[in-house]
Amino acid sequence: DEVVAINQGELPRVLRTHLSLLRDAADRDLLIGVIREADLPAALGSYVDRDEDNDSQRTPQGRRKLDRLTSQQVRYAFSDPLTQLPNRRSFMNLFDTTKTNRYESAAIFVVGIDHIKLVNDRFGHCVGDDVIIEVADRLRASIRNIDILGRLDGDEFIVLAEDIDSMQAERIADKILFEIARPMKLSQQDYRVSVSIGVAMFPSHGSDAQDLV
């Protein structure tokens, strides 16, 4: 569980988040995030708003109720809005909270799109976003159903493949390179995009997600 304080202009709101990994009917991993309001710590409980006019403290009864997070806000807290993939935080938390129960061995792939800035400069950021979405789709097609794909950053993705050795990891990396190398249409032109891949093995190269990345 992770406690997050969000200040929405009134009392800081303390939320407790929990990530769960489930599988759907097709045996694909689904990352589920649950957010609920936590008990207010004493330090935050002593906080009170001040009236803008007379600088007097408001009573607890006078405080306005804070709006609940919308389903869209919850989704954005755990996933990348462009690709709908798990974001960096949710991916890292997922690995670190499940590794001791699930993984005897695993590989983490960091996949970076080469020279995405050239695409943005030549075709515009909207086309650059299309490239990122297309790369995400090709990555999904390159990995196994049980592998987990996330988006680390603007031009970087991450893949978690469990129960494989270094030779199997190399085969997955080769398949990713092959899929991404196929030309894609950008502004009615065939355009080739390449990626660079780094691979780290758990537990020989690191024991937590940050070290492996």
C-alpha atoms as a PDB file:
ATOM      1  CA  ASP A   1       0.000   0.000   0.000  1.00  0.00           C
ATOM      2  CA  GLU A   2       1.114   3.536  -0.701  1.00  0.00           C
ATOM      3  CA  VAL A   3      -0.242   6.681   0.956  1.00  0.00           C
ATOM      4  CA  VAL A   4      -0.559   9.703  -1.313  1.00  0.00           C
ATOM      5  CA  ALA A   5      -1.504  13.226  -0.211  1.00  0.00           C
ATOM      6  CA  ILE A   6      -3.399  15.307  -2.749  1.00  0.00           C
ATOM      7  CA  ASN A   7      -4.075  18.955  -2.083  1.00  0.00           C
ATOM      8  CA  GLN A   8      -7.193  20.155  -3.886  1.00  0.00           C
ATOM      9  CA  GLY A   9      -7.265  23.613  -2.382  1.00  0.00           C
ATOM     10  CA  GLU A  10      -8.843  22.505   0.861  1.00  0.00           C
ATOM     11  CA  LEU A  11      -7.708  19.911   3.374  1.00  0.00           C
ATOM     12  CA  PRO A  12      -5.022  17.601   2.021  1.00  0.00           C
ATOM     13  CA  ARG A  13      -6.721  14.375   1.102  1.00  0.00           C
ATOM     14  CA  VAL A  14      -4.907  11.190   2.023  1.00  0.00           C
ATOM     15  CA  LEU A  15      -5.492   8.225  -0.232  1.00  0.00           C
ATOM     16  CA  ARG A  16      -4.320   4.650   0.118  1.00  0.00           C
ATOM     17  CA  THR A  17      -3.619   2.847  -3.116  1.00  0.00           C
ATOM     18  CA  HIS A  18      -3.332  -0.872  -3.729  1.00  0.00           C
ATOM     19  CA  LEU A  19      -2.343  -2.671  -6.934  1.00  0.00           C
ATOM     20  CA  SER A  20      -3.648  -6.135  -7.739  1.00  0.00           C
ATOM     21  CA  LEU A  21      -2.774  -8.431 -10.601  1.00  0.00           C
ATOM     22  CA  LEU A  22      -5.661 -10.436 -12.018  1.00  0.00           C
ATOM     23  CA  ARG A  23      -6.144 -12.527 -15.144  1.00  0.00           C
ATOM     24  CA  ASP A  24      -9.081 -12.251 -17.527  1.00  0.00           C
ATOM     25  CA  ALA A  25     -10.880 -15.034 -19.390  1.00  0.00           C
ATOM     26  CA  ALA A  26      -8.153 -15.087 -22.048  1.00  0.00           C
ATOM     27  CA  ASP A  27      -5.537 -15.600 -19.305  1.00  0.00           C
ATOM     28  CA  ARG A  28      -4.089 -12.124 -19.864  1.00  0.00           C
ATOM     29  CA  ASP A  29      -2.726 -10.119 -16.956  1.00  0.00           C
ATOM     30  CA  LEU A  30      -4.811  -7.150 -15.862  1.00  0.00           C
ATOM     31  CA  LEU A  31      -3.429  -4.465 -13.576  1.00  0.00           C
ATOM     32  CA  ILE A  32      -6.159  -3.305 -11.212  1.00  0.00           C
ATOM     33  CA  GLY A  33      -5.777  -0.238  -9.046  1.00  0.00           C
ATOM     34  CA  VAL A  34      -7.924   0.399  -5.982  1.00  0.00           C
ATOM     35  CA  ILE A  35      -7.949   3.789  -4.302  1.00  0.00           C
ATOM     36  CA  ARG A  36      -9.731   4.474  -1.030  1.00  0.00           C
ATOM     37  CA  GLU A  37      -9.566   7.255   1.512  1.00  0.00           C
ATOM     38  CA  ALA A  38      -7.229   6.518   4.394  1.00  0.00           C
ATOM     39  CA  ASP A  39      -7.439   7.653   7.984  1.00  0.00           C
ATOM     40  CA  LEU A  40      -6.067  11.151   8.381  1.00  0.00           C
ATOM     41  CA  PRO A  41      -2.653  11.185  10.095  1.00  0.00           C
ATOM     42  CA  ALA A  42      -2.355  13.386  13.159  1.00  0.00           C
ATOM     43  CA  ALA A  43      -0.096  15.842  11.362  1.00  0.00           C
ATOM     44  CA  LEU A  44      -2.690  16.436   8.695  1.00  0.00           C
ATOM     45  CA  GLY A  45      -5.557  16.330  11.161  1.00  0.00           C
ATOM     46  CA  SER A  46      -4.190  19.450  12.840  1.00  0.00           C
ATOM     47  CA  TYR A  47      -4.407  21.374   9.573  1.00  0.00           C
ATOM     48  CA  VAL A  48      -7.318  23.805   9.211  1.00  0.00           C
ATOM     49  CA  ASP A  49      -8.277  26.208   6.453  1.00  0.00           C
ATOM     50  CA  ARG A  50      -8.282  29.911   7.088  1.00  0.00           C
ATOM     51  CA  ASP A  51     -11.032  32.177   5.928  1.00  0.00           C
ATOM     52  CA  GLU A  52      -9.741  34.502   3.212  1.00  0.00           C
ATOM     53  CA  ASP A  53     -11.645  37.514   4.593  1.00  0.00           C
ATOM     54  CA  ASN A  54     -10.868  37.528   8.315  1.00  0.00           C
ATOM     55  CA  ASP A  55      -8.088  34.907   8.546  1.00  0.00           C
ATOM     56  CA  SER A  56     -10.048  33.085  11.233  1.00  0.00           C
ATOM     57  CA  GLN A  57      -9.942  29.340  11.546  1.00  0.00           C
ATOM     58  CA  ARG A  58     -12.874  27.389  10.184  1.00  0.00           C
ATOM     59  CA  THR A  59     -14.503  24.724  12.292  1.00  0.00           C
ATOM     60  CA  PRO A  60     -14.508  21.147  10.985  1.00  0.00           C
ATOM     61  CA  GLN A  61     -18.271  21.426  10.490  1.00  0.00           C
ATOM     62  CA  GLY A  62     -17.723  24.382   8.208  1.00  0.00           C
ATOM     63  CA  ARG A  63     -15.337  22.642   5.861  1.00  0.00           C
ATOM     64  CA  ARG A  64     -16.673  21.671   2.474  1.00  0.00           C
ATOM     65  CA  LYS A  65     -16.680  18.032   1.501  1.00  0.00           C
ATOM     66  CA  LEU A  66     -13.955  17.115  -0.937  1.00  0.00           C
ATOM     67  CA  ASP A  67     -15.046  15.679  -4.253  1.00  0.00           C
ATOM     68  CA  ARG A  68     -14.289  12.042  -4.807  1.00  0.00           C
ATOM     69  CA  LEU A  69     -11.819  11.130  -7.508  1.00  0.00           C
ATOM     70  CA  THR A  70     -13.505  10.395 -10.806  1.00  0.00           C
ATOM     71  CA  SER A  71     -12.971   7.083 -12.582  1.00  0.00           C
ATOM     72  CA  GLN A  72     -10.860   8.964 -15.159  1.00  0.00           C
ATOM     73  CA  GLN A  73      -8.592  10.350 -12.428  1.00  0.00           C
ATOM     74  CA  VAL A  74      -8.198   6.875 -10.977  1.00  0.00           C
ATOM     75  CA  ARG A  75      -7.325   5.462 -14.398  1.00  0.00           C
ATOM     76  CA  TYR A  76      -4.762   8.204 -15.037  1.00  0.00           C
ATOM     77  CA  ALA A  77      -3.146   7.535 -11.659  1.00  0.00           C
ATOM     78  CA  PHE A  78      -2.277   4.010 -12.748  1.00  0.00           C
ATOM     79  CA  SER A  79      -2.028   4.085 -16.543  1.00  0.00           C
ATOM     80  CA  ASP A  80      -0.544   6.075 -19.392  1.00  0.00           C
ATOM     81  CA  PRO A  81      -3.380   8.077 -21.026  1.00  0.00           C
ATOM     82  CA  LEU A  82      -1.993   7.755 -24.575  1.00  0.00           C
ATOM     83  CA  THR A  83      -1.480   3.988 -24.745  1.00  0.00           C
ATOM     84  CA  GLN A  84      -3.649   2.868 -21.799  1.00  0.00           C
ATOM     85  CA  LEU A  85      -0.662   0.830 -20.572  1.00  0.00           C
ATOM     86  CA  PRO A  86       0.468   0.685 -16.927  1.00  0.00           C
ATOM     87  CA  ASN A  87       2.594   3.725 -16.161  1.00  0.00           C
ATOM     88  CA  ARG A  88       6.012   3.742 -14.523  1.00  0.00           C
ATOM     89  CA  ARG A  89       4.733   3.866 -10.954  1.00  0.00           C
ATOM     90  CA  SER A  90       2.161   1.104 -11.316  1.00  0.00           C
ATOM     91  CA  PHE A  91       4.607  -1.139 -13.196  1.00  0.00           C
ATOM     92  CA  MET A  92       7.333  -0.689 -10.578  1.00  0.00           C
ATOM     93  CA  ASN A  93       4.901  -1.295  -7.728  1.00  0.00           C
ATOM     94  CA  LEU A  94       3.472  -4.350  -9.458  1.00  0.00           C
ATOM     95  CA  PHE A  95       6.896  -5.942  -9.846  1.00  0.00           C
ATOM     96  CA  ASP A  96       8.138  -5.144  -6.363  1.00  0.00           C
ATOM     97  CA  THR A  97       4.945  -6.318  -4.613  1.00  0.00           C
ATOM     98  CA  THR A  98       4.630  -9.621  -6.482  1.00  0.00           C
ATOM     99  CA  LYS A  99       8.214 -10.687  -7.200  1.00  0.00           C
ATOM    100  CA  THR A 100       8.710 -12.800  -4.069  1.00  0.00           C
ATOM    101  CA  ASN A 101       5.457 -14.678  -4.599  1.00  0.00           C
ATOM    102  CA  ARG A 102       5.545 -15.170  -8.362  1.00  0.00           C
ATOM    103  CA  TYR A 103       8.974 -14.965  -9.903  1.00  0.00           C
ATOM    104  CA  GLU A 104      11.733 -17.537  -9.700  1.00  0.00           C
ATOM    105  CA  SER A 105      13.293 -15.857 -12.729  1.00  0.00           C
ATOM    106  CA  ALA A 106      12.206 -12.992 -14.949  1.00  0.00           C
ATOM    107  CA  ALA A 107      13.492 -10.591 -17.571  1.00  0.00           C
ATOM    108  CA  ILE A 108      12.819  -6.888 -17.789  1.00  0.00           C
ATOM    109  CA  PHE A 109      13.149  -5.258 -21.210  1.00  0.00           C
ATOM    110  CA  VAL A 110      13.453  -1.495 -21.584  1.00  0.00           C
ATOM    111  CA  VAL A 111      12.553  -0.570 -25.162  1.00  0.00           C
ATOM    112  CA  GLY A 112      13.396   2.938 -26.367  1.00  0.00           C
ATOM    113  CA  ILE A 113      12.235   4.388 -29.689  1.00  0.00           C
ATOM    114  CA  ASP A 114      15.249   5.741 -31.560  1.00  0.00           C
ATOM    115  CA  HIS A 115      15.154   9.370 -32.718  1.00  0.00           C
ATOM    116  CA  ILE A 116      11.471  10.020 -31.945  1.00  0.00           C
ATOM    117  CA  LYS A 117      12.362  13.733 -31.926  1.00  0.00           C
ATOM    118  CA  LEU A 118      13.048  13.533 -35.677  1.00  0.00           C
ATOM    119  CA  VAL A 119       9.527  12.192 -36.228  1.00  0.00           C
ATOM    120  CA  ASN A 120       8.053  14.995 -34.123  1.00  0.00           C
ATOM    121  CA  ASP A 121      10.102  17.647 -35.934  1.00  0.00           C
ATOM    122  CA  ARG A 122       9.265  16.351 -39.414  1.00  0.00           C
ATOM    123  CA  PHE A 123       5.641  15.275 -39.043  1.00  0.00           C
ATOM    124  CA  GLY A 124       4.425  16.957 -35.843  1.00  0.00           C
ATOM    125  CA  HIS A 125       3.679  15.701 -32.344  1.00  0.00           C
ATOM    126  CA  CYS A 126       0.311  14.213 -33.314  1.00  0.00           C
ATOM    127  CA  VAL A 127       2.066  11.876 -35.753  1.00  0.00           C
ATOM    128  CA  GLY A 128       4.686  11.223 -33.087  1.00  0.00           C
ATOM    129  CA  ASP A 129       1.878  10.091 -30.773  1.00  0.00           C
ATOM    130  CA  ASP A 130       0.598   7.803 -33.543  1.00  0.00           C
ATOM    131  CA  VAL A 131       4.071   6.242 -33.764  1.00  0.00           C
ATOM    132  CA  ILE A 132       4.102   5.632 -30.009  1.00  0.00           C
ATOM    133  CA  ILE A 133       0.671   3.959 -30.193  1.00  0.00           C
ATOM    134  CA  GLU A 134       1.762   1.826 -33.164  1.00  0.00           C
ATOM    135  CA  VAL A 135       4.951   0.775 -31.380  1.00  0.00           C
ATOM    136  CA  ALA A 136       2.875  -0.179 -28.330  1.00  0.00           C
ATOM    137  CA  ASP A 137       0.621  -2.332 -30.547  1.00  0.00           C
ATOM    138  CA  ARG A 138       3.623  -4.043 -32.143  1.00  0.00           C
ATOM    139  CA  LEU A 139       5.161  -4.685 -28.761  1.00  0.00           C
ATOM    140  CA  ARG A 140       1.948  -6.383 -27.653  1.00  0.00           C
ATOM    141  CA  ALA A 141       2.156  -8.581 -30.750  1.00  0.00           C
ATOM    142  CA  SER A 142       5.784  -9.476 -30.006  1.00  0.00           C
ATOM    143  CA  ILE A 143       5.416 -10.726 -26.454  1.00  0.00           C
ATOM    144  CA  ARG A 144       3.548 -13.586 -24.829  1.00  0.00           C
ATOM    145  CA  ASN A 145       0.046 -13.249 -23.409  1.00  0.00           C
ATOM    146  CA  ILE A 146       1.426 -13.690 -19.903  1.00  0.00           C
ATOM    147  CA  ASP A 147       4.039 -10.930 -20.304  1.00  0.00           C
ATOM    148  CA  ILE A 148       3.268  -7.446 -18.998  1.00  0.00           C
ATOM    149  CA  LEU A 149       3.827  -4.302 -21.064  1.00  0.00           C
ATOM    150  CA  GLY A 150       4.044  -0.797 -19.645  1.00  0.00           C
ATOM    151  CA  ARG A 151       5.145   2.690 -20.677  1.00  0.00           C
ATOM    152  CA  LEU A 152       8.068   4.087 -18.729  1.00  0.00           C
ATOM    153  CA  ASP A 153       8.381   7.521 -20.281  1.00  0.00           C
ATOM    154  CA  GLY A 154       7.828   9.524 -23.458  1.00  0.00           C
ATOM    155  CA  ASP A 155       9.740   7.217 -25.804  1.00  0.00           C
ATOM    156  CA  GLU A 156      10.391   4.248 -23.517  1.00  0.00           C
ATOM    157  CA  PHE A 157       8.406   1.089 -22.867  1.00  0.00           C
ATOM    158  CA  ILE A 158       9.006  -1.733 -20.413  1.00  0.00           C
ATOM    159  CA  VAL A 159       8.205  -5.438 -20.631  1.00  0.00           C
ATOM    160  CA  LEU A 160       8.185  -7.971 -17.825  1.00  0.00           C
ATOM    161  CA  ALA A 161       8.557 -11.597 -18.922  1.00  0.00           C
ATOM    162  CA  GLU A 162       8.586 -14.141 -16.113  1.00  0.00           C
ATOM    163  CA  ASP A 163      10.022 -17.657 -15.956  1.00  0.00           C
ATOM    164  CA  ILE A 164      12.466 -17.279 -18.861  1.00  0.00           C
ATOM    165  CA  ASP A 165      16.213 -17.583 -19.175  1.00  0.00           C
ATOM    166  CA  SER A 166      18.636 -15.297 -21.010  1.00  0.00           C
ATOM    167  CA  MET A 167      18.379 -17.252 -24.285  1.00  0.00           C
ATOM    168  CA  GLN A 168      14.592 -16.973 -24.292  1.00  0.00           C
ATOM    169  CA  ALA A 169      14.916 -13.280 -23.480  1.00  0.00           C
ATOM    170  CA  GLU A 170      17.192 -12.821 -26.492  1.00  0.00           C
ATOM    171  CA  ARG A 171      14.602 -14.456 -28.750  1.00  0.00           C
ATOM    172  CA  ILE A 172      11.909 -12.107 -27.470  1.00  0.00           C
ATOM    173  CA  ALA A 173      14.195  -9.119 -28.093  1.00  0.00           C
ATOM    174  CA  ASP A 174      14.864 -10.317 -31.655  1.00  0.00           C
ATOM    175  CA  LYS A 175      11.124 -10.640 -32.287  1.00  0.00           C
ATOM    176  CA  ILE A 176      10.530  -7.112 -30.989  1.00  0.00           C
ATOM    177  CA  LEU A 177      13.237  -5.723 -33.288  1.00  0.00           C
ATOM    178  CA  PHE A 178      11.737  -7.568 -36.261  1.00  0.00           C
ATOM    179  CA  GLU A 179       8.183  -6.340 -35.583  1.00  0.00           C
ATOM    180  CA  ILE A 180       9.194  -2.726 -35.045  1.00  0.00           C
ATOM    181  CA  ALA A 181      11.358  -2.698 -38.208  1.00  0.00           C
ATOM    182  CA  ARG A 182       8.349  -3.232 -40.458  1.00  0.00           C
ATOM    183  CA  PRO A 183       7.498   0.053 -42.250  1.00  0.00           C
ATOM    184  CA  MET A 184       4.576   2.122 -41.016  1.00  0.00           C
ATOM    185  CA  LYS A 185       2.593   4.766 -42.829  1.00  0.00           C
ATOM    186  CA  LEU A 186       3.291   8.339 -41.772  1.00  0.00           C
ATOM    187  CA  SER A 187       1.594  11.060 -43.824  1.00  0.00           C
ATOM    188  CA  GLN A 188       1.066   8.567 -46.667  1.00  0.00           C
ATOM    189  CA  GLN A 189       4.752   7.650 -46.689  1.00  0.00           C
ATOM    190  CA  ASP A 190       6.456   4.451 -45.623  1.00  0.00           C
ATOM    191  CA  TYR A 191       8.612   5.223 -42.617  1.00  0.00           C
ATOM    192  CA  ARG A 192      10.840   2.881 -40.659  1.00  0.00           C
ATOM    193  CA  VAL A 193      11.285   3.264 -36.921  1.00  0.00           C
ATOM    194  CA  SER A 194      13.908   1.431 -34.912  1.00  0.00           C
ATOM    195  CA  VAL A 195      14.203   0.740 -31.217  1.00  0.00           C
ATOM    196  CA  SER A 196      17.006  -0.010 -28.793  1.00  0.00           C
ATOM    197  CA  ILE A 197      16.492  -2.714 -26.175  1.00  0.00           C
ATOM    198  CA  GLY A 198      18.169  -3.283 -22.843  1.00  0.00           C
ATOM    199  CA  VAL A 199      17.547  -6.538 -20.968  1.00  0.00           C
ATOM    200  CA  ALA A 200      18.143  -7.331 -17.295  1.00  0.00           C
ATOM    201  CA  MET A 201      17.520 -10.680 -15.595  1.00  0.00           C
ATOM    202  CA  PHE A 202      15.918 -11.112 -12.191  1.00  0.00           C
ATOM    203  CA  PRO A 203      17.392 -11.981  -9.734  1.00  0.00           C
ATOM    204  CA  SER A 204      20.950 -12.170 -11.121  1.00  0.00           C
ATOM    205  CA  HIS A 205      21.077  -8.505 -12.254  1.00  0.00           C
ATOM    206  CA  GLY A 206      18.989  -6.966  -9.493  1.00  0.00           C
ATOM    207  CA  SER A 207      16.372  -7.627  -6.851  1.00  0.00           C
ATOM    208  CA  ASP A 208      13.971  -4.710  -7.396  1.00  0.00           C
ATOM    209  CA  ALA A 209      12.436  -2.941 -10.356  1.00  0.00           C
ATOM    210  CA  GLN A 210      14.518   0.237 -10.079  1.00  0.00           C
ATOM    211  CA  ASP A 211      17.812  -1.675 -10.066  1.00  0.00           C
ATOM    212  CA  LEU A 212      16.739  -3.764 -13.050  1.00  0.00           C
ATOM    213  CA  VAL A 213      15.619  -0.749 -15.049  1.00  0.00           C
END
